[in-house]
Every structure is written in structure tokens, then in C-alpha cells.
Amino acid sequence: MNENLIKVEGHPGYYRDMKTGAIVNMNKSALEAAKAQKEKRIKDEQEIQELKNDVKELKQLLKELINSKV
């Protein structure tokens, strides 16, 4: 491990880079889990937007159908 890194008290897997002052997460599995969670959230948000668009289109089609029968 880099000699510029010291453990952050009370936060396992976190180290402070004494040269830059940055906090570094050395826990690879937690980082991968966070990335996967972010990707899932983005995918879910896209799916919700697609569903909203579908509902909007259906409402428009229903309005057109109703107006054509009047």
C-alpha cells in the first residue's frame, strides 16, 4: 500500500491520501456494488420514462378515437 495513505478512523476500507487530502475507498467490492446499484437505478428510471411515454401515447390515441366517433 502507498505510504501516503493512512486509515480513516471509524471507517473501515477508507484511507486519507496525505499528499492530496483526498479520501480513498479501498473496498473494491463496495465500489462494484455501488456501480451496479447506479446502473440499475438508471435502467429503472429509463423504464419509467418509457412507460410514461406509452401512457401518454395511449391517452392521445383514446382522445382521437373518441373524437372520431363524435
N, C-alpha and C. Protein backbone atom coordinates (compact mmCIF):
# COMPACT_ATOMS: atom_id res chain seq x y z
N MET A 1 0.85 -1.18 0.00
CA MET A 1 0.00 0.00 0.00
C MET A 1 0.89 1.24 0.00
N ASN A 2 0.36 2.30 -0.51
CA ASN A 2 1.08 3.56 -0.63
C ASN A 2 1.39 4.14 0.75
N GLU A 3 2.62 4.62 0.95
CA GLU A 3 2.98 5.18 2.25
C GLU A 3 2.31 6.52 2.54
N ASN A 4 1.70 7.13 1.53
CA ASN A 4 0.98 8.39 1.72
C ASN A 4 -0.43 8.18 2.26
N LEU A 5 -0.88 6.93 2.39
CA LEU A 5 -2.24 6.65 2.84
C LEU A 5 -2.26 6.26 4.31
N ILE A 6 -3.22 6.85 5.05
CA ILE A 6 -3.43 6.46 6.44
C ILE A 6 -4.90 6.11 6.62
N LYS A 7 -5.19 5.16 7.51
CA LYS A 7 -6.57 4.72 7.73
C LYS A 7 -7.40 5.87 8.30
N VAL A 8 -8.67 5.92 7.85
CA VAL A 8 -9.62 6.90 8.40
C VAL A 8 -10.30 6.24 9.58
N GLU A 9 -10.19 6.86 10.73
CA GLU A 9 -10.74 6.30 11.97
C GLU A 9 -12.26 6.16 11.88
N GLY A 10 -12.76 4.98 12.23
CA GLY A 10 -14.20 4.73 12.27
C GLY A 10 -14.81 4.40 10.91
N HIS A 11 -13.98 4.29 9.86
CA HIS A 11 -14.48 3.99 8.52
C HIS A 11 -13.59 2.93 7.87
N PRO A 12 -13.92 1.66 8.09
CA PRO A 12 -13.09 0.60 7.53
C PRO A 12 -13.06 0.65 6.00
N GLY A 13 -11.89 0.46 5.45
CA GLY A 13 -11.73 0.45 4.00
C GLY A 13 -11.47 1.83 3.42
N TYR A 14 -11.52 2.88 4.25
CA TYR A 14 -11.26 4.23 3.77
C TYR A 14 -9.89 4.71 4.26
N TYR A 15 -9.18 5.39 3.37
CA TYR A 15 -7.86 5.90 3.68
C TYR A 15 -7.77 7.35 3.21
N ARG A 16 -6.96 8.14 3.93
CA ARG A 16 -6.72 9.52 3.52
C ARG A 16 -5.35 9.57 2.85
N ASP A 17 -5.32 10.18 1.66
CA ASP A 17 -4.07 10.42 0.96
C ASP A 17 -3.47 11.69 1.56
N MET A 18 -2.37 11.55 2.26
CA MET A 18 -1.77 12.69 2.97
C MET A 18 -1.21 13.73 2.00
N LYS A 19 -0.91 13.33 0.80
CA LYS A 19 -0.36 14.27 -0.18
C LYS A 19 -1.45 15.19 -0.73
N THR A 20 -2.64 14.62 -1.02
CA THR A 20 -3.72 15.41 -1.63
C THR A 20 -4.84 15.74 -0.66
N GLY A 21 -4.93 14.99 0.44
CA GLY A 21 -6.02 15.19 1.39
C GLY A 21 -7.29 14.44 1.01
N ALA A 22 -7.26 13.73 -0.11
CA ALA A 22 -8.43 13.02 -0.60
C ALA A 22 -8.70 11.77 0.24
N ILE A 23 -9.98 11.42 0.34
CA ILE A 23 -10.38 10.16 0.98
C ILE A 23 -10.50 9.11 -0.13
N VAL A 24 -9.86 7.97 0.08
CA VAL A 24 -9.82 6.91 -0.93
C VAL A 24 -10.53 5.67 -0.38
N ASN A 25 -11.46 5.12 -1.16
CA ASN A 25 -12.15 3.89 -0.79
C ASN A 25 -11.36 2.72 -1.37
N MET A 26 -10.83 1.90 -0.52
CA MET A 26 -10.03 0.76 -0.97
C MET A 26 -10.85 -0.53 -1.01
N ASN A 27 -12.15 -0.44 -0.68
CA ASN A 27 -13.02 -1.61 -0.66
C ASN A 27 -13.59 -1.82 -2.06
N LYS A 28 -12.97 -2.69 -2.84
CA LYS A 28 -13.35 -2.91 -4.24
C LYS A 28 -14.75 -3.47 -4.38
N SER A 29 -15.15 -4.39 -3.49
CA SER A 29 -16.48 -4.99 -3.62
C SER A 29 -17.57 -3.95 -3.36
N ALA A 30 -17.34 -3.04 -2.43
CA ALA A 30 -18.33 -1.98 -2.17
C ALA A 30 -18.42 -1.04 -3.36
N LEU A 31 -17.31 -0.76 -3.98
CA LEU A 31 -17.30 0.10 -5.17
C LEU A 31 -18.07 -0.55 -6.31
N GLU A 32 -17.84 -1.83 -6.54
CA GLU A 32 -18.56 -2.55 -7.59
C GLU A 32 -20.05 -2.60 -7.31
N ALA A 33 -20.41 -2.80 -6.04
CA ALA A 33 -21.83 -2.84 -5.66
C ALA A 33 -22.47 -1.48 -5.90
N ALA A 34 -21.77 -0.40 -5.59
CA ALA A 34 -22.30 0.95 -5.81
C ALA A 34 -22.49 1.22 -7.30
N LYS A 35 -21.54 0.78 -8.11
CA LYS A 35 -21.66 0.96 -9.57
C LYS A 35 -22.86 0.18 -10.11
N ALA A 36 -23.04 -1.05 -9.65
CA ALA A 36 -24.17 -1.87 -10.10
C ALA A 36 -25.49 -1.25 -9.67
N GLN A 37 -25.54 -0.71 -8.47
CA GLN A 37 -26.75 -0.06 -7.97
C GLN A 37 -27.08 1.18 -8.81
N LYS A 38 -26.07 1.93 -9.17
CA LYS A 38 -26.28 3.13 -10.00
C LYS A 38 -26.80 2.74 -11.38
N GLU A 39 -26.21 1.72 -11.98
CA GLU A 39 -26.65 1.25 -13.29
C GLU A 39 -28.11 0.78 -13.23
N LYS A 40 -28.49 0.08 -12.16
CA LYS A 40 -29.87 -0.39 -12.02
C LYS A 40 -30.82 0.79 -11.88
N ARG A 41 -30.41 1.79 -11.10
CA ARG A 41 -31.26 2.97 -10.92
C ARG A 41 -31.48 3.70 -12.24
N ILE A 42 -30.42 3.83 -13.03
CA ILE A 42 -30.53 4.48 -14.33
C ILE A 42 -31.45 3.68 -15.24
N LYS A 43 -31.29 2.36 -15.25
CA LYS A 43 -32.14 1.50 -16.07
C LYS A 43 -33.60 1.61 -15.65
N ASP A 44 -33.84 1.62 -14.33
CA ASP A 44 -35.21 1.75 -13.81
C ASP A 44 -35.82 3.09 -14.20
N GLU A 45 -35.03 4.17 -14.11
CA GLU A 45 -35.52 5.50 -14.49
C GLU A 45 -35.88 5.55 -15.98
N GLN A 46 -35.07 4.91 -16.81
CA GLN A 46 -35.35 4.87 -18.24
C GLN A 46 -36.63 4.09 -18.52
N GLU A 47 -36.81 2.98 -17.82
CA GLU A 47 -38.02 2.18 -17.99
C GLU A 47 -39.26 2.95 -17.56
N ILE A 48 -39.16 3.69 -16.47
CA ILE A 48 -40.29 4.50 -16.01
C ILE A 48 -40.62 5.57 -17.05
N GLN A 49 -39.61 6.20 -17.61
CA GLN A 49 -39.85 7.22 -18.64
C GLN A 49 -40.52 6.61 -19.87
N GLU A 50 -40.09 5.42 -20.26
CA GLU A 50 -40.72 4.74 -21.40
C GLU A 50 -42.18 4.45 -21.11
N LEU A 51 -42.48 4.01 -19.89
CA LEU A 51 -43.86 3.72 -19.51
C LEU A 51 -44.70 5.00 -19.52
N LYS A 52 -44.14 6.09 -19.04
CA LYS A 52 -44.85 7.37 -19.07
C LYS A 52 -45.16 7.77 -20.51
N ASN A 53 -44.20 7.58 -21.39
CA ASN A 53 -44.40 7.91 -22.80
C ASN A 53 -45.49 7.03 -23.41
N ASP A 54 -45.50 5.74 -23.05
CA ASP A 54 -46.52 4.83 -23.56
C ASP A 54 -47.91 5.25 -23.09
N VAL A 55 -48.03 5.63 -21.82
CA VAL A 55 -49.33 6.06 -21.29
C VAL A 55 -49.78 7.34 -22.01
N LYS A 56 -48.85 8.25 -22.23
CA LYS A 56 -49.18 9.50 -22.92
C LYS A 56 -49.70 9.20 -24.34
N GLU A 57 -49.04 8.27 -25.02
CA GLU A 57 -49.44 7.90 -26.37
C GLU A 57 -50.83 7.23 -26.35
N LEU A 58 -51.07 6.36 -25.40
CA LEU A 58 -52.37 5.71 -25.29
C LEU A 58 -53.49 6.73 -25.03
N LYS A 59 -53.22 7.69 -24.16
CA LYS A 59 -54.21 8.72 -23.88
C LYS A 59 -54.54 9.52 -25.15
N GLN A 60 -53.51 9.83 -25.92
CA GLN A 60 -53.73 10.57 -27.16
C GLN A 60 -54.54 9.75 -28.16
N LEU A 61 -54.24 8.47 -28.27
CA LEU A 61 -54.99 7.60 -29.17
C LEU A 61 -56.45 7.47 -28.74
N LEU A 62 -56.68 7.38 -27.44
CA LEU A 62 -58.05 7.31 -26.94
C LEU A 62 -58.82 8.60 -27.25
N LYS A 63 -58.17 9.73 -27.07
CA LYS A 63 -58.82 11.01 -27.39
C LYS A 63 -59.18 11.08 -28.87
N GLU A 64 -58.26 10.63 -29.71
CA GLU A 64 -58.53 10.64 -31.16
C GLU A 64 -59.68 9.70 -31.50
N LEU A 65 -59.72 8.55 -30.87
CA LEU A 65 -60.80 7.59 -31.10
C LEU A 65 -62.14 8.17 -30.67
N ILE A 66 -62.18 8.77 -29.51
CA ILE A 66 -63.41 9.37 -29.00
C ILE A 66 -63.87 10.50 -29.94
N ASN A 67 -62.94 11.35 -30.35
CA ASN A 67 -63.28 12.48 -31.21
C ASN A 67 -63.74 12.04 -32.60
N SER A 68 -63.23 10.91 -33.08
CA SER A 68 -63.63 10.44 -34.40
C SER A 68 -65.04 9.84 -34.38
N LYS A 69 -65.52 9.42 -33.22
CA LYS A 69 -66.86 8.81 -33.13
C LYS A 69 -67.92 9.86 -32.83
N VAL A 70 -67.52 11.06 -32.50
CA VAL A 70 -68.49 12.12 -32.17
C VAL A 70 -69.01 12.77 -33.39
